[in-house]
Amino acid sequence: MAEAFGPLARLAGTRWRGEPGEADKAHGQPADFSEWYWDLGGSVLVNRHVIADGSYGGVTYIQKNGKTGALDFVYITSAGFRTSGSFMLNEDGTWSSEEDLEGLPHIDKVRSTGRINEDGTMSSVSEFHGADGWTPGHTF
């Protein structure tokens, strides 16, 4: 089952501390702590994360869609909004998604790309879509 999750499977059993990029730091964005693990007999990959100051957290559930083969997910947050979509596993070892967002008035979509770098660190870049089109999101 793990092979269906491609490079995401390598994240199971790991914990990460994400340091925000320079632009996010300038706006006071704290570090992000993230933990990955398998659930439901290895059929669901779970990511639980929290911002260092405890003000925000979320849980992502990723599962292979039995009909399409896609890695579908839902992300539920302590802030009362959620996103859902599918991960794309890219040939360069990255994973990306474009997700629909429900519960925030100014953002309706998020897209992001993640990777495990050669030095063993992980990086992630996101963009938010709203009335002004796509704008930079968070970078860790």
N, C-alpha and C. Protein backbone atom coordinates (compact mmCIF):
# COMPACT_ATOMS: atom_id res chain seq x y z
N MET A 1 0.82 -1.20 0.00
CA MET A 1 0.00 0.00 0.00
C MET A 1 0.87 1.26 0.00
N ALA A 2 1.97 1.27 0.74
CA ALA A 2 2.81 2.47 0.85
C ALA A 2 3.33 2.93 -0.50
N GLU A 3 3.59 2.00 -1.42
CA GLU A 3 4.13 2.40 -2.72
C GLU A 3 3.18 3.31 -3.49
N ALA A 4 1.88 3.20 -3.23
CA ALA A 4 0.90 4.07 -3.90
C ALA A 4 1.06 5.53 -3.50
N PHE A 5 1.74 5.79 -2.39
CA PHE A 5 1.91 7.15 -1.88
C PHE A 5 3.20 7.80 -2.36
N GLY A 6 3.99 7.08 -3.18
CA GLY A 6 5.22 7.65 -3.75
C GLY A 6 6.11 8.26 -2.69
N PRO A 7 6.67 9.45 -2.96
CA PRO A 7 7.60 10.07 -2.00
C PRO A 7 6.92 10.47 -0.69
N LEU A 8 5.61 10.58 -0.68
CA LEU A 8 4.92 10.91 0.57
C LEU A 8 5.08 9.80 1.60
N ALA A 9 5.21 8.54 1.15
CA ALA A 9 5.34 7.41 2.08
C ALA A 9 6.58 7.55 2.96
N ARG A 10 7.63 8.19 2.43
CA ARG A 10 8.87 8.38 3.20
C ARG A 10 8.65 9.26 4.42
N LEU A 11 7.58 10.03 4.43
CA LEU A 11 7.31 10.94 5.54
C LEU A 11 6.74 10.22 6.77
N ALA A 12 6.12 9.05 6.57
CA ALA A 12 5.52 8.33 7.69
C ALA A 12 6.57 8.02 8.75
N GLY A 13 6.22 8.29 10.00
CA GLY A 13 7.13 8.05 11.10
C GLY A 13 8.12 9.17 11.35
N THR A 14 7.94 10.31 10.68
CA THR A 14 8.88 11.42 10.85
C THR A 14 8.21 12.61 11.53
N ARG A 15 9.06 13.45 12.12
CA ARG A 15 8.62 14.72 12.70
C ARG A 15 9.50 15.81 12.12
N TRP A 16 8.90 16.96 11.88
CA TRP A 16 9.60 18.07 11.24
C TRP A 16 9.34 19.37 11.98
N ARG A 17 10.32 20.24 11.95
CA ARG A 17 10.15 21.62 12.39
C ARG A 17 10.34 22.47 11.15
N GLY A 18 9.32 23.20 10.75
CA GLY A 18 9.38 24.03 9.56
C GLY A 18 9.64 25.48 9.93
N GLU A 19 10.75 25.99 9.47
CA GLU A 19 11.08 27.40 9.68
C GLU A 19 10.50 28.22 8.54
N PRO A 20 9.77 29.27 8.84
CA PRO A 20 9.16 30.07 7.77
C PRO A 20 10.22 30.77 6.92
N GLY A 21 9.86 31.02 5.66
CA GLY A 21 10.73 31.79 4.77
C GLY A 21 10.85 33.23 5.25
N GLU A 22 11.76 33.96 4.65
CA GLU A 22 12.05 35.33 5.10
C GLU A 22 10.82 36.24 5.07
N ALA A 23 10.02 36.16 4.01
CA ALA A 23 8.83 37.03 3.93
C ALA A 23 7.85 36.70 5.05
N ASP A 24 7.66 35.40 5.34
CA ASP A 24 6.76 35.01 6.43
C ASP A 24 7.32 35.42 7.78
N LYS A 25 8.63 35.27 7.97
CA LYS A 25 9.25 35.71 9.23
C LYS A 25 9.02 37.20 9.45
N ALA A 26 9.14 37.98 8.39
CA ALA A 26 8.95 39.43 8.49
C ALA A 26 7.53 39.79 8.95
N HIS A 27 6.58 38.90 8.67
CA HIS A 27 5.19 39.12 9.10
C HIS A 27 4.87 38.40 10.41
N GLY A 28 5.91 37.88 11.09
CA GLY A 28 5.72 37.26 12.39
C GLY A 28 5.25 35.82 12.38
N GLN A 29 5.36 35.14 11.24
CA GLN A 29 4.93 33.74 11.15
C GLN A 29 5.85 32.88 12.01
N PRO A 30 5.31 32.13 12.99
CA PRO A 30 6.15 31.25 13.80
C PRO A 30 6.48 29.95 13.07
N ALA A 31 7.35 29.16 13.66
CA ALA A 31 7.70 27.85 13.12
C ALA A 31 6.48 26.93 13.15
N ASP A 32 6.54 25.87 12.37
CA ASP A 32 5.47 24.90 12.23
C ASP A 32 6.03 23.53 12.61
N PHE A 33 5.34 22.79 13.47
CA PHE A 33 5.76 21.44 13.84
C PHE A 33 4.80 20.46 13.19
N SER A 34 5.36 19.40 12.59
CA SER A 34 4.57 18.48 11.78
C SER A 34 4.97 17.04 12.09
N GLU A 35 3.99 16.16 12.16
CA GLU A 35 4.23 14.74 12.40
C GLU A 35 3.43 13.93 11.39
N TRP A 36 4.05 12.90 10.81
CA TRP A 36 3.42 12.07 9.80
C TRP A 36 3.33 10.63 10.31
N TYR A 37 2.19 9.97 10.06
CA TYR A 37 2.05 8.57 10.47
C TYR A 37 0.95 7.89 9.66
N TRP A 38 0.99 6.55 9.68
CA TRP A 38 -0.04 5.75 9.02
C TRP A 38 -1.20 5.53 9.97
N ASP A 39 -2.41 5.41 9.42
CA ASP A 39 -3.59 5.07 10.20
C ASP A 39 -4.44 4.11 9.38
N LEU A 40 -5.43 3.54 10.03
CA LEU A 40 -6.38 2.61 9.39
C LEU A 40 -5.65 1.51 8.62
N GLY A 41 -4.74 0.85 9.31
CA GLY A 41 -4.03 -0.29 8.72
C GLY A 41 -3.10 0.08 7.59
N GLY A 42 -2.63 1.30 7.56
CA GLY A 42 -1.71 1.72 6.51
C GLY A 42 -2.39 2.22 5.25
N SER A 43 -3.71 2.38 5.28
CA SER A 43 -4.40 2.85 4.08
C SER A 43 -4.55 4.37 4.05
N VAL A 44 -4.27 5.03 5.18
CA VAL A 44 -4.39 6.49 5.27
C VAL A 44 -3.09 7.05 5.83
N LEU A 45 -2.54 8.05 5.15
CA LEU A 45 -1.37 8.77 5.65
C LEU A 45 -1.88 10.04 6.31
N VAL A 46 -1.45 10.28 7.54
CA VAL A 46 -1.95 11.41 8.33
C VAL A 46 -0.80 12.37 8.60
N ASN A 47 -1.06 13.65 8.44
CA ASN A 47 -0.13 14.71 8.84
C ASN A 47 -0.84 15.59 9.85
N ARG A 48 -0.25 15.67 11.04
CA ARG A 48 -0.79 16.54 12.09
C ARG A 48 0.23 17.63 12.33
N HIS A 49 -0.20 18.88 12.30
CA HIS A 49 0.75 19.96 12.52
C HIS A 49 0.17 21.04 13.40
N VAL A 50 1.07 21.81 14.01
CA VAL A 50 0.67 22.90 14.88
C VAL A 50 1.71 24.01 14.75
N ILE A 51 1.25 25.24 14.81
CA ILE A 51 2.15 26.40 14.82
C ILE A 51 2.79 26.48 16.21
N ALA A 52 4.05 26.88 16.27
CA ALA A 52 4.83 26.85 17.51
C ALA A 52 4.15 27.55 18.67
N ASP A 53 3.42 28.61 18.43
CA ASP A 53 2.78 29.32 19.54
C ASP A 53 1.42 28.71 19.93
N GLY A 54 1.03 27.62 19.26
CA GLY A 54 -0.21 26.92 19.59
C GLY A 54 -1.48 27.58 19.09
N SER A 55 -1.34 28.65 18.32
CA SER A 55 -2.52 29.41 17.88
C SER A 55 -3.28 28.76 16.73
N TYR A 56 -2.69 27.76 16.09
CA TYR A 56 -3.31 27.17 14.90
C TYR A 56 -2.76 25.77 14.70
N GLY A 57 -3.60 24.89 14.21
CA GLY A 57 -3.17 23.55 13.87
C GLY A 57 -4.10 22.94 12.85
N GLY A 58 -3.70 21.82 12.31
CA GLY A 58 -4.52 21.14 11.33
C GLY A 58 -4.12 19.69 11.18
N VAL A 59 -5.02 18.91 10.61
CA VAL A 59 -4.77 17.50 10.35
C VAL A 59 -5.15 17.22 8.89
N THR A 60 -4.25 16.54 8.18
CA THR A 60 -4.50 16.13 6.80
C THR A 60 -4.63 14.61 6.76
N TYR A 61 -5.67 14.13 6.09
CA TYR A 61 -5.87 12.70 5.87
C TYR A 61 -5.74 12.45 4.37
N ILE A 62 -4.82 11.56 3.99
CA ILE A 62 -4.56 11.26 2.58
C ILE A 62 -4.87 9.79 2.34
N GLN A 63 -5.66 9.52 1.30
CA GLN A 63 -6.03 8.15 1.00
C GLN A 63 -6.10 7.96 -0.52
N LYS A 64 -5.65 6.80 -0.97
CA LYS A 64 -5.75 6.49 -2.40
C LYS A 64 -7.22 6.27 -2.75
N ASN A 65 -7.66 6.97 -3.80
CA ASN A 65 -9.02 6.84 -4.29
C ASN A 65 -9.12 5.52 -5.06
N GLY A 66 -9.99 4.63 -4.61
CA GLY A 66 -10.11 3.31 -5.22
C GLY A 66 -10.59 3.34 -6.66
N LYS A 67 -11.32 4.37 -7.06
CA LYS A 67 -11.83 4.46 -8.43
C LYS A 67 -10.83 5.11 -9.37
N THR A 68 -10.21 6.21 -8.94
CA THR A 68 -9.34 6.98 -9.84
C THR A 68 -7.86 6.71 -9.63
N GLY A 69 -7.49 6.17 -8.47
CA GLY A 69 -6.08 5.96 -8.15
C GLY A 69 -5.39 7.21 -7.62
N ALA A 70 -6.10 8.33 -7.60
CA ALA A 70 -5.52 9.59 -7.11
C ALA A 70 -5.33 9.52 -5.60
N LEU A 71 -4.41 10.34 -5.09
CA LEU A 71 -4.21 10.48 -3.65
C LEU A 71 -5.06 11.65 -3.17
N ASP A 72 -6.28 11.36 -2.79
CA ASP A 72 -7.20 12.40 -2.34
C ASP A 72 -6.94 12.74 -0.88
N PHE A 73 -7.22 13.98 -0.51
CA PHE A 73 -7.00 14.40 0.87
C PHE A 73 -8.03 15.41 1.31
N VAL A 74 -8.14 15.50 2.63
CA VAL A 74 -8.90 16.57 3.27
C VAL A 74 -8.01 17.11 4.39
N TYR A 75 -7.99 18.42 4.53
CA TYR A 75 -7.22 19.11 5.56
C TYR A 75 -8.20 19.89 6.42
N ILE A 76 -8.25 19.57 7.70
CA ILE A 76 -9.20 20.17 8.64
C ILE A 76 -8.40 20.99 9.65
N THR A 77 -8.84 22.22 9.91
CA THR A 77 -8.05 23.13 10.74
C THR A 77 -8.77 23.54 12.02
N SER A 78 -7.98 23.99 12.98
CA SER A 78 -8.54 24.53 14.22
C SER A 78 -9.16 25.91 14.00
N ALA A 79 -8.89 26.51 12.84
CA ALA A 79 -9.44 27.84 12.53
C ALA A 79 -10.82 27.76 11.87
N GLY A 80 -11.35 26.54 11.72
CA GLY A 80 -12.71 26.40 11.21
C GLY A 80 -12.84 26.32 9.71
N PHE A 81 -11.72 26.25 8.98
CA PHE A 81 -11.83 26.05 7.53
C PHE A 81 -11.22 24.71 7.17
N ARG A 82 -11.50 24.28 5.95
CA ARG A 82 -10.96 23.01 5.46
C ARG A 82 -10.63 23.13 3.99
N THR A 83 -9.72 22.27 3.55
CA THR A 83 -9.42 22.18 2.14
C THR A 83 -9.52 20.71 1.72
N SER A 84 -9.69 20.50 0.43
CA SER A 84 -9.70 19.14 -0.10
C SER A 84 -9.19 19.18 -1.53
N GLY A 85 -8.60 18.08 -1.94
CA GLY A 85 -8.06 17.99 -3.28
C GLY A 85 -7.35 16.67 -3.48
N SER A 86 -6.44 16.64 -4.44
CA SER A 86 -5.65 15.46 -4.75
C SER A 86 -4.20 15.85 -4.90
N PHE A 87 -3.31 14.98 -4.43
CA PHE A 87 -1.88 15.17 -4.65
C PHE A 87 -1.49 14.62 -6.00
N MET A 88 -0.58 15.30 -6.67
CA MET A 88 0.05 14.81 -7.88
C MET A 88 1.49 14.45 -7.52
N LEU A 89 1.92 13.25 -7.86
CA LEU A 89 3.29 12.83 -7.63
C LEU A 89 4.07 13.12 -8.90
N ASN A 90 5.05 13.98 -8.81
CA ASN A 90 5.78 14.45 -9.98
C ASN A 90 7.05 13.63 -10.21
N GLU A 91 7.49 13.57 -11.46
CA GLU A 91 8.66 12.77 -11.83
C GLU A 91 9.93 13.20 -11.12
N ASP A 92 10.02 14.46 -10.71
CA ASP A 92 11.23 14.94 -10.04
C ASP A 92 11.23 14.65 -8.54
N GLY A 93 10.25 13.86 -8.05
CA GLY A 93 10.20 13.49 -6.64
C GLY A 93 9.41 14.46 -5.78
N THR A 94 8.90 15.53 -6.37
CA THR A 94 8.07 16.47 -5.61
C THR A 94 6.62 15.98 -5.62
N TRP A 95 5.83 16.57 -4.77
CA TRP A 95 4.39 16.36 -4.79
C TRP A 95 3.73 17.73 -4.81
N SER A 96 2.62 17.82 -5.51
CA SER A 96 1.93 19.10 -5.61
C SER A 96 0.43 18.88 -5.53
N SER A 97 -0.26 19.96 -5.21
CA SER A 97 -1.72 19.89 -5.13
C SER A 97 -2.32 21.24 -5.44
N GLU A 98 -3.53 21.21 -5.93
CA GLU A 98 -4.38 22.39 -6.00
C GLU A 98 -5.66 22.00 -5.30
N GLU A 99 -6.00 22.73 -4.26
CA GLU A 99 -7.09 22.31 -3.40
C GLU A 99 -8.16 23.39 -3.28
N ASP A 100 -9.39 22.94 -3.11
CA ASP A 100 -10.51 23.84 -2.86
C ASP A 100 -10.56 24.15 -1.38
N LEU A 101 -10.85 25.40 -1.05
CA LEU A 101 -10.90 25.84 0.34
C LEU A 101 -12.31 26.29 0.68
N GLU A 102 -12.81 25.83 1.83
CA GLU A 102 -14.13 26.22 2.32
C GLU A 102 -13.97 26.85 3.70
N GLY A 103 -14.61 28.00 3.92
CA GLY A 103 -14.65 28.58 5.24
C GLY A 103 -13.87 29.86 5.43
N LEU A 104 -13.20 30.35 4.40
CA LEU A 104 -12.52 31.65 4.48
C LEU A 104 -13.09 32.55 3.40
N PRO A 105 -13.40 33.79 3.72
CA PRO A 105 -14.04 34.66 2.74
C PRO A 105 -13.10 35.17 1.64
N HIS A 106 -11.81 35.23 1.88
CA HIS A 106 -10.89 35.86 0.93
C HIS A 106 -10.01 34.88 0.15
N ILE A 107 -10.08 33.58 0.45
CA ILE A 107 -9.29 32.58 -0.28
C ILE A 107 -10.23 31.44 -0.66
N ASP A 108 -10.19 31.01 -1.93
CA ASP A 108 -11.03 29.89 -2.34
C ASP A 108 -10.24 28.68 -2.82
N LYS A 109 -8.94 28.87 -3.08
CA LYS A 109 -8.09 27.76 -3.51
C LYS A 109 -6.68 27.96 -2.96
N VAL A 110 -5.98 26.84 -2.81
CA VAL A 110 -4.57 26.85 -2.41
C VAL A 110 -3.86 25.88 -3.33
N ARG A 111 -2.67 26.24 -3.78
CA ARG A 111 -1.84 25.26 -4.48
C ARG A 111 -0.47 25.27 -3.84
N SER A 112 0.14 24.09 -3.81
CA SER A 112 1.42 23.98 -3.13
C SER A 112 2.27 22.88 -3.74
N THR A 113 3.56 22.97 -3.49
CA THR A 113 4.53 21.95 -3.91
C THR A 113 5.45 21.66 -2.74
N GLY A 114 5.69 20.38 -2.48
CA GLY A 114 6.60 19.98 -1.42
C GLY A 114 7.67 19.05 -1.96
N ARG A 115 8.75 18.94 -1.20
CA ARG A 115 9.84 18.04 -1.61
C ARG A 115 10.69 17.70 -0.40
N ILE A 116 11.33 16.54 -0.46
CA ILE A 116 12.40 16.21 0.47
C ILE A 116 13.69 16.50 -0.27
N ASN A 117 14.48 17.41 0.26
CA ASN A 117 15.70 17.86 -0.40
C ASN A 117 16.84 16.84 -0.21
N GLU A 118 17.88 16.98 -1.03
CA GLU A 118 19.01 16.06 -0.97
C GLU A 118 19.66 16.01 0.40
N ASP A 119 19.63 17.10 1.15
CA ASP A 119 20.23 17.13 2.48
C ASP A 119 19.31 16.57 3.56
N GLY A 120 18.13 16.03 3.17
CA GLY A 120 17.21 15.43 4.11
C GLY A 120 16.19 16.38 4.69
N THR A 121 16.29 17.66 4.37
CA THR A 121 15.29 18.61 4.83
C THR A 121 14.08 18.57 3.90
N MET A 122 12.98 19.11 4.36
CA MET A 122 11.79 19.19 3.53
C MET A 122 11.48 20.66 3.29
N SER A 123 10.99 20.99 2.12
CA SER A 123 10.57 22.37 1.83
C SER A 123 9.19 22.35 1.19
N SER A 124 8.48 23.45 1.40
CA SER A 124 7.13 23.58 0.88
C SER A 124 6.87 25.03 0.50
N VAL A 125 6.21 25.21 -0.63
CA VAL A 125 5.86 26.56 -1.11
C VAL A 125 4.39 26.54 -1.49
N SER A 126 3.65 27.58 -1.12
CA SER A 126 2.22 27.61 -1.45
C SER A 126 1.81 28.95 -2.03
N GLU A 127 0.67 28.93 -2.70
CA GLU A 127 0.04 30.14 -3.24
C GLU A 127 -1.44 30.10 -2.88
N PHE A 128 -2.02 31.28 -2.71
CA PHE A 128 -3.43 31.40 -2.37
C PHE A 128 -4.17 32.08 -3.52
N HIS A 129 -5.40 31.62 -3.79
CA HIS A 129 -6.22 32.23 -4.83
C HIS A 129 -7.41 32.93 -4.19
N GLY A 130 -7.63 34.16 -4.61
CA GLY A 130 -8.78 34.93 -4.14
C GLY A 130 -9.21 35.90 -5.22
N ALA A 131 -9.85 36.98 -4.84
CA ALA A 131 -10.38 37.96 -5.79
C ALA A 131 -9.29 38.56 -6.67
N ASP A 132 -8.07 38.66 -6.18
CA ASP A 132 -6.95 39.23 -6.95
C ASP A 132 -6.15 38.19 -7.71
N GLY A 133 -6.65 36.97 -7.82
CA GLY A 133 -5.92 35.91 -8.50
C GLY A 133 -4.97 35.21 -7.54
N TRP A 134 -3.92 34.60 -8.09
CA TRP A 134 -2.95 33.86 -7.29
C TRP A 134 -1.94 34.82 -6.66
N THR A 135 -1.71 34.64 -5.35
CA THR A 135 -0.73 35.45 -4.62
C THR A 135 0.15 34.52 -3.80
N PRO A 136 1.37 34.95 -3.46
CA PRO A 136 2.26 34.08 -2.67
C PRO A 136 1.61 33.69 -1.34
N GLY A 137 1.81 32.43 -0.97
CA GLY A 137 1.33 31.93 0.31
C GLY A 137 2.49 31.81 1.28
N HIS A 138 2.58 30.66 1.94
CA HIS A 138 3.65 30.43 2.91
C HIS A 138 4.77 29.61 2.29
N THR A 139 5.99 29.85 2.76
CA THR A 139 7.16 29.08 2.36
C THR A 139 7.83 28.55 3.62
N PHE A 140 8.07 27.24 3.66
CA PHE A 140 8.79 26.62 4.77
C PHE A 140 9.91 25.79 4.20
